[in-house]
């Protein structure tokens, strides 16, 4: 889990926004208009959390 008060790398922030918007676009037909902002914020949080994780090298 990431700290919301921690600034994101600008590239991670922009990528998280783009991914979140695309995810909301996919499900927008089942959301009320007022729910779209909430969905966008939740998708953003998940994207940023995953993108902020340290990269691990798989063991061979």
PDB file of N, CA and C in Angstrom:
ATOM      1  N   UNK A   1       0.835  -1.170   0.000  1.00  0.00           N
ATOM      2  CA  UNK A   1       0.000   0.000   0.000  1.00  0.00           C
ATOM      3  C   UNK A   1       0.886   1.242   0.000  1.00  0.00           C
ATOM      4  N   UNK A   2       0.519   2.236  -0.765  1.00  0.00           N
ATOM      5  CA  UNK A   2       1.336   3.435  -0.829  1.00  0.00           C
ATOM      6  C   UNK A   2       0.714   4.547   0.000  1.00  0.00           C
ATOM      7  N   UNK A   3       1.545   5.471   0.412  1.00  0.00           N
ATOM      8  CA  UNK A   3       1.062   6.619   1.186  1.00  0.00           C
ATOM      9  C   UNK A   3       0.550   7.668   0.201  1.00  0.00           C
ATOM     10  N   UNK A   4      -0.710   8.048   0.342  1.00  0.00           N
ATOM     11  CA  UNK A   4      -1.302   9.007  -0.586  1.00  0.00           C
ATOM     12  C   UNK A   4      -0.604  10.356  -0.537  1.00  0.00           C
ATOM     13  N   UNK A   5       0.003  10.679   0.584  1.00  0.00           N
ATOM     14  CA  UNK A   5       0.676  11.970   0.709  1.00  0.00           C
ATOM     15  C   UNK A   5       2.059  11.968   0.055  1.00  0.00           C
ATOM     16  N   UNK A   6       2.549  10.788  -0.291  1.00  0.00           N
ATOM     17  CA  UNK A   6       3.864  10.675  -0.923  1.00  0.00           C
ATOM     18  C   UNK A   6       3.748  11.048  -2.395  1.00  0.00           C
ATOM     19  N   UNK A   7       4.582  11.999  -2.862  1.00  0.00           N
ATOM     20  CA  UNK A   7       4.501  12.364  -4.274  1.00  0.00           C
ATOM     21  C   UNK A   7       4.933  11.205  -5.179  1.00  0.00           C
ATOM     22  N   UNK A   8       4.269  11.100  -6.295  1.00  0.00           N
ATOM     23  CA  UNK A   8       4.591  10.035  -7.248  1.00  0.00           C
ATOM     24  C   UNK A   8       5.611  10.548  -8.255  1.00  0.00           C
ATOM     25  N   UNK A   9       6.365   9.630  -8.778  1.00  0.00           N
ATOM     26  CA  UNK A   9       7.208   9.951  -9.921  1.00  0.00           C
ATOM     27  C   UNK A   9       6.251  10.448 -11.013  1.00  0.00           C
ATOM     28  N   UNK A  10       6.568  11.547 -11.699  1.00  0.00           N
ATOM     29  CA  UNK A  10       5.642  12.077 -12.708  1.00  0.00           C
ATOM     30  C   UNK A  10       5.248  11.055 -13.780  1.00  0.00           C
ATOM     31  N   UNK A  11       6.170  10.206 -14.188  1.00  0.00           N
ATOM     32  CA  UNK A  11       5.857   9.194 -15.199  1.00  0.00           C
ATOM     33  C   UNK A  11       4.878   8.159 -14.649  1.00  0.00           C
ATOM     34  N   UNK A  12       5.073   7.747 -13.398  1.00  0.00           N
ATOM     35  CA  UNK A  12       4.169   6.785 -12.761  1.00  0.00           C
ATOM     36  C   UNK A  12       2.788   7.410 -12.597  1.00  0.00           C
ATOM     37  N   UNK A  13       2.751   8.664 -12.185  1.00  0.00           N
ATOM     38  CA  UNK A  13       1.486   9.375 -12.005  1.00  0.00           C
ATOM     39  C   UNK A  13       0.704   9.436 -13.319  1.00  0.00           C
ATOM     40  N   UNK A  14       1.351   9.850 -14.389  1.00  0.00           N
ATOM     41  CA  UNK A  14       0.686   9.961 -15.690  1.00  0.00           C
ATOM     42  C   UNK A  14       0.222   8.603 -16.199  1.00  0.00           C
ATOM     43  N   UNK A  15       1.051   7.581 -16.044  1.00  0.00           N
ATOM     44  CA  UNK A  15       0.667   6.239 -16.481  1.00  0.00           C
ATOM     45  C   UNK A  15      -0.508   5.716 -15.660  1.00  0.00           C
ATOM     46  N   UNK A  16      -0.504   5.967 -14.370  1.00  0.00           N
ATOM     47  CA  UNK A  16      -1.612   5.537 -13.505  1.00  0.00           C
ATOM     48  C   UNK A  16      -2.911   6.201 -13.929  1.00  0.00           C
ATOM     49  N   UNK A  17      -2.856   7.471 -14.251  1.00  0.00           N
ATOM     50  CA  UNK A  17      -4.051   8.191 -14.706  1.00  0.00           C
ATOM     51  C   UNK A  17      -4.566   7.588 -16.015  1.00  0.00           C
ATOM     52  N   UNK A  18      -3.668   7.345 -16.955  1.00  0.00           N
ATOM     53  CA  UNK A  18      -4.087   6.795 -18.253  1.00  0.00           C
ATOM     54  C   UNK A  18      -4.725   5.424 -18.091  1.00  0.00           C
ATOM     55  N   UNK A  19      -4.115   4.564 -17.295  1.00  0.00           N
ATOM     56  CA  UNK A  19      -4.663   3.221 -17.079  1.00  0.00           C
ATOM     57  C   UNK A  19      -6.011   3.308 -16.377  1.00  0.00           C
ATOM     58  N   UNK A  20      -6.112   4.150 -15.352  1.00  0.00           N
ATOM     59  CA  UNK A  20      -7.363   4.297 -14.605  1.00  0.00           C
ATOM     60  C   UNK A  20      -8.485   4.782 -15.518  1.00  0.00           C
ATOM     61  N   UNK A  21      -8.205   5.745 -16.366  1.00  0.00           N
ATOM     62  CA  UNK A  21      -9.229   6.247 -17.295  1.00  0.00           C
ATOM     63  C   UNK A  21      -9.695   5.161 -18.259  1.00  0.00           C
ATOM     64  N   UNK A  22      -8.766   4.364 -18.737  1.00  0.00           N
ATOM     65  CA  UNK A  22      -9.151   3.285 -19.657  1.00  0.00           C
ATOM     66  C   UNK A  22      -9.999   2.237 -18.942  1.00  0.00           C
ATOM     67  N   UNK A  23      -9.667   1.939 -17.694  1.00  0.00           N
ATOM     68  CA  UNK A  23     -10.453   0.969 -16.926  1.00  0.00           C
ATOM     69  C   UNK A  23     -11.870   1.486 -16.689  1.00  0.00           C
ATOM     70  N   UNK A  24     -11.991   2.756 -16.332  1.00  0.00           N
ATOM     71  CA  UNK A  24     -13.314   3.345 -16.121  1.00  0.00           C
ATOM     72  C   UNK A  24     -14.096   3.345 -17.425  1.00  0.00           C
ATOM     73  N   UNK A  25     -13.442   3.620 -18.531  1.00  0.00           N
ATOM     74  CA  UNK A  25     -14.122   3.604 -19.832  1.00  0.00           C
ATOM     75  C   UNK A  25     -14.757   2.239 -20.092  1.00  0.00           C
ATOM     76  N   UNK A  26     -14.050   1.178 -19.712  1.00  0.00           N
ATOM     77  CA  UNK A  26     -14.557  -0.177 -19.937  1.00  0.00           C
ATOM     78  C   UNK A  26     -15.840  -0.426 -19.148  1.00  0.00           C
ATOM     79  N   UNK A  27     -15.906   0.074 -17.922  1.00  0.00           N
ATOM     80  CA  UNK A  27     -17.055  -0.239 -17.073  1.00  0.00           C
ATOM     81  C   UNK A  27     -18.052   0.916 -16.936  1.00  0.00           C
ATOM     82  N   UNK A  28     -17.845   2.010 -17.643  1.00  0.00           N
ATOM     83  CA  UNK A  28     -18.696   3.184 -17.431  1.00  0.00           C
ATOM     84  C   UNK A  28     -20.175   2.934 -17.703  1.00  0.00           C
ATOM     85  N   UNK A  29     -20.502   1.978 -18.542  1.00  0.00           N
ATOM     86  CA  UNK A  29     -21.903   1.695 -18.848  1.00  0.00           C
ATOM     87  C   UNK A  29     -22.668   1.181 -17.623  1.00  0.00           C
ATOM     88  N   UNK A  30     -21.958   0.587 -16.668  1.00  0.00           N
ATOM     89  CA  UNK A  30     -22.633   0.056 -15.487  1.00  0.00           C
ATOM     90  C   UNK A  30     -22.531   0.988 -14.285  1.00  0.00           C
ATOM     91  N   UNK A  31     -21.914   2.151 -14.474  1.00  0.00           N
ATOM     92  CA  UNK A  31     -21.762   3.117 -13.391  1.00  0.00           C
ATOM     93  C   UNK A  31     -22.707   4.291 -13.583  1.00  0.00           C
ATOM     94  N   UNK A  32     -23.205   4.805 -12.472  1.00  0.00           N
ATOM     95  CA  UNK A  32     -23.917   6.076 -12.541  1.00  0.00           C
ATOM     96  C   UNK A  32     -22.862   7.166 -12.715  1.00  0.00           C
ATOM     97  N   UNK A  33     -23.256   8.275 -13.273  1.00  0.00           N
ATOM     98  CA  UNK A  33     -22.300   9.342 -13.543  1.00  0.00           C
ATOM     99  C   UNK A  33     -21.536   9.765 -12.292  1.00  0.00           C
ATOM    100  N   UNK A  34     -22.240   9.838 -11.167  1.00  0.00           N
ATOM    101  CA  UNK A  34     -21.581  10.267  -9.928  1.00  0.00           C
ATOM    102  C   UNK A  34     -20.609   9.213  -9.384  1.00  0.00           C
ATOM    103  N   UNK A  35     -20.680   7.978  -9.859  1.00  0.00           N
ATOM    104  CA  UNK A  35     -19.769   6.920  -9.414  1.00  0.00           C
ATOM    105  C   UNK A  35     -18.475   6.880 -10.218  1.00  0.00           C
ATOM    106  N   UNK A  36     -18.454   7.525 -11.345  1.00  0.00           N
ATOM    107  CA  UNK A  36     -17.271   7.450 -12.219  1.00  0.00           C
ATOM    108  C   UNK A  36     -16.035   8.056 -11.582  1.00  0.00           C
ATOM    109  N   UNK A  37     -16.194   9.170 -10.874  1.00  0.00           N
ATOM    110  CA  UNK A  37     -15.047   9.782 -10.192  1.00  0.00           C
ATOM    111  C   UNK A  37     -14.483   8.870  -9.115  1.00  0.00           C
ATOM    112  N   UNK A  38     -15.376   8.232  -8.358  1.00  0.00           N
ATOM    113  CA  UNK A  38     -14.930   7.286  -7.327  1.00  0.00           C
ATOM    114  C   UNK A  38     -14.180   6.120  -7.960  1.00  0.00           C
ATOM    115  N   UNK A  39     -14.710   5.591  -9.059  1.00  0.00           N
ATOM    116  CA  UNK A  39     -14.059   4.470  -9.746  1.00  0.00           C
ATOM    117  C   UNK A  39     -12.686   4.895 -10.265  1.00  0.00           C
ATOM    118  N   UNK A  40     -12.615   6.088 -10.824  1.00  0.00           N
ATOM    119  CA  UNK A  40     -11.343   6.594 -11.345  1.00  0.00           C
ATOM    120  C   UNK A  40     -10.303   6.690 -10.225  1.00  0.00           C
ATOM    121  N   UNK A  41     -10.705   7.224  -9.083  1.00  0.00           N
ATOM    122  CA  UNK A  41      -9.773   7.332  -7.953  1.00  0.00           C
ATOM    123  C   UNK A  41      -9.321   5.956  -7.468  1.00  0.00           C
ATOM    124  N   UNK A  42     -10.238   5.004  -7.392  1.00  0.00           N
ATOM    125  CA  UNK A  42      -9.866   3.666  -6.920  1.00  0.00           C
ATOM    126  C   UNK A  42      -8.940   2.955  -7.914  1.00  0.00           C
ATOM    127  N   UNK A  43      -9.244   3.057  -9.196  1.00  0.00           N
ATOM    128  CA  UNK A  43      -8.353   2.454 -10.192  1.00  0.00           C
ATOM    129  C   UNK A  43      -6.980   3.116 -10.152  1.00  0.00           C
ATOM    130  N   UNK A  44      -6.952   4.436  -9.987  1.00  0.00           N
ATOM    131  CA  UNK A  44      -5.673   5.153  -9.896  1.00  0.00           C
ATOM    132  C   UNK A  44      -4.856   4.620  -8.724  1.00  0.00           C
ATOM    133  N   UNK A  45      -5.505   4.464  -7.562  1.00  0.00           N
ATOM    134  CA  UNK A  45      -4.791   3.973  -6.381  1.00  0.00           C
ATOM    135  C   UNK A  45      -4.186   2.598  -6.628  1.00  0.00           C
ATOM    136  N   UNK A  46      -4.954   1.704  -7.248  1.00  0.00           N
ATOM    137  CA  UNK A  46      -4.457   0.352  -7.521  1.00  0.00           C
ATOM    138  C   UNK A  46      -3.294   0.399  -8.510  1.00  0.00           C
ATOM    139  N   UNK A  47      -3.447   1.171  -9.567  1.00  0.00           N
ATOM    140  CA  UNK A  47      -2.378   1.284 -10.575  1.00  0.00           C
ATOM    141  C   UNK A  47      -1.102   1.822  -9.952  1.00  0.00           C
ATOM    142  N   UNK A  48      -1.248   2.914  -9.205  1.00  0.00           N
ATOM    143  CA  UNK A  48      -0.060   3.522  -8.602  1.00  0.00           C
ATOM    144  C   UNK A  48       0.590   2.590  -7.597  1.00  0.00           C
ATOM    145  N   UNK A  49      -0.211   1.898  -6.823  1.00  0.00           N
ATOM    146  CA  UNK A  49       0.338   0.958  -5.849  1.00  0.00           C
ATOM    147  C   UNK A  49       1.173  -0.115  -6.550  1.00  0.00           C
ATOM    148  N   UNK A  50       0.651  -0.641  -7.638  1.00  0.00           N
ATOM    149  CA  UNK A  50       1.386  -1.682  -8.374  1.00  0.00           C
ATOM    150  C   UNK A  50       2.633  -1.127  -9.048  1.00  0.00           C
ATOM    151  N   UNK A  51       2.524   0.053  -9.626  1.00  0.00           N
ATOM    152  CA  UNK A  51       3.668   0.632 -10.329  1.00  0.00           C
ATOM    153  C   UNK A  51       4.749   1.132  -9.378  1.00  0.00           C
ATOM    154  N   UNK A  52       4.384   1.448  -8.140  1.00  0.00           N
ATOM    155  CA  UNK A  52       5.363   1.902  -7.149  1.00  0.00           C
ATOM    156  C   UNK A  52       6.094   0.759  -6.477  1.00  0.00           C
ATOM    157  N   UNK A  53       5.628  -0.474  -6.677  1.00  0.00           N
ATOM    158  CA  UNK A  53       6.310  -1.622  -6.052  1.00  0.00           C
ATOM    159  C   UNK A  53       7.705  -1.744  -6.617  1.00  0.00           C
ATOM    160  N   UNK A  54       8.649  -2.126  -5.785  1.00  0.00           N
ATOM    161  CA  UNK A  54      10.020  -2.343  -6.301  1.00  0.00           C
ATOM    162  C   UNK A  54      10.030  -3.495  -7.294  1.00  0.00           C
ATOM    163  N   UNK A  55      10.813  -3.339  -8.311  1.00  0.00           N
ATOM    164  CA  UNK A  55      10.949  -4.390  -9.317  1.00  0.00           C
ATOM    165  C   UNK A  55      11.741  -5.553  -8.719  1.00  0.00           C
ATOM    166  N   UNK A  56      11.234  -6.750  -8.912  1.00  0.00           N
ATOM    167  CA  UNK A  56      11.928  -7.931  -8.432  1.00  0.00           C
ATOM    168  C   UNK A  56      12.366  -8.756  -9.636  1.00  0.00           C
ATOM    169  N   UNK A  57      13.519  -9.318  -9.514  1.00  0.00           N
ATOM    170  CA  UNK A  57      14.038 -10.164 -10.581  1.00  0.00           C
ATOM    171  C   UNK A  57      13.663 -11.611 -10.256  1.00  0.00           C
ATOM    172  N   UNK A  58      12.961 -12.290 -11.180  1.00  0.00           N
ATOM    173  CA  UNK A  58      12.583 -13.683 -10.894  1.00  0.00           C
ATOM    174  C   UNK A  58      13.811 -14.569 -10.788  1.00  0.00           C
ATOM    175  N   UNK A  59      13.750 -15.489  -9.839  1.00  0.00           N
ATOM    176  CA  UNK A  59      14.848 -16.440  -9.674  1.00  0.00           C
ATOM    177  C   UNK A  59      14.767 -17.486 -10.754  1.00  0.00           C
ATOM    178  N   UNK A  60      15.916 -17.858 -11.259  1.00  0.00           N
ATOM    179  CA  UNK A  60      15.978 -18.874 -12.320  1.00  0.00           C
ATOM    180  C   UNK A  60      16.551 -20.143 -11.797  1.00  0.00           C
TER     181      UNK A  60
END
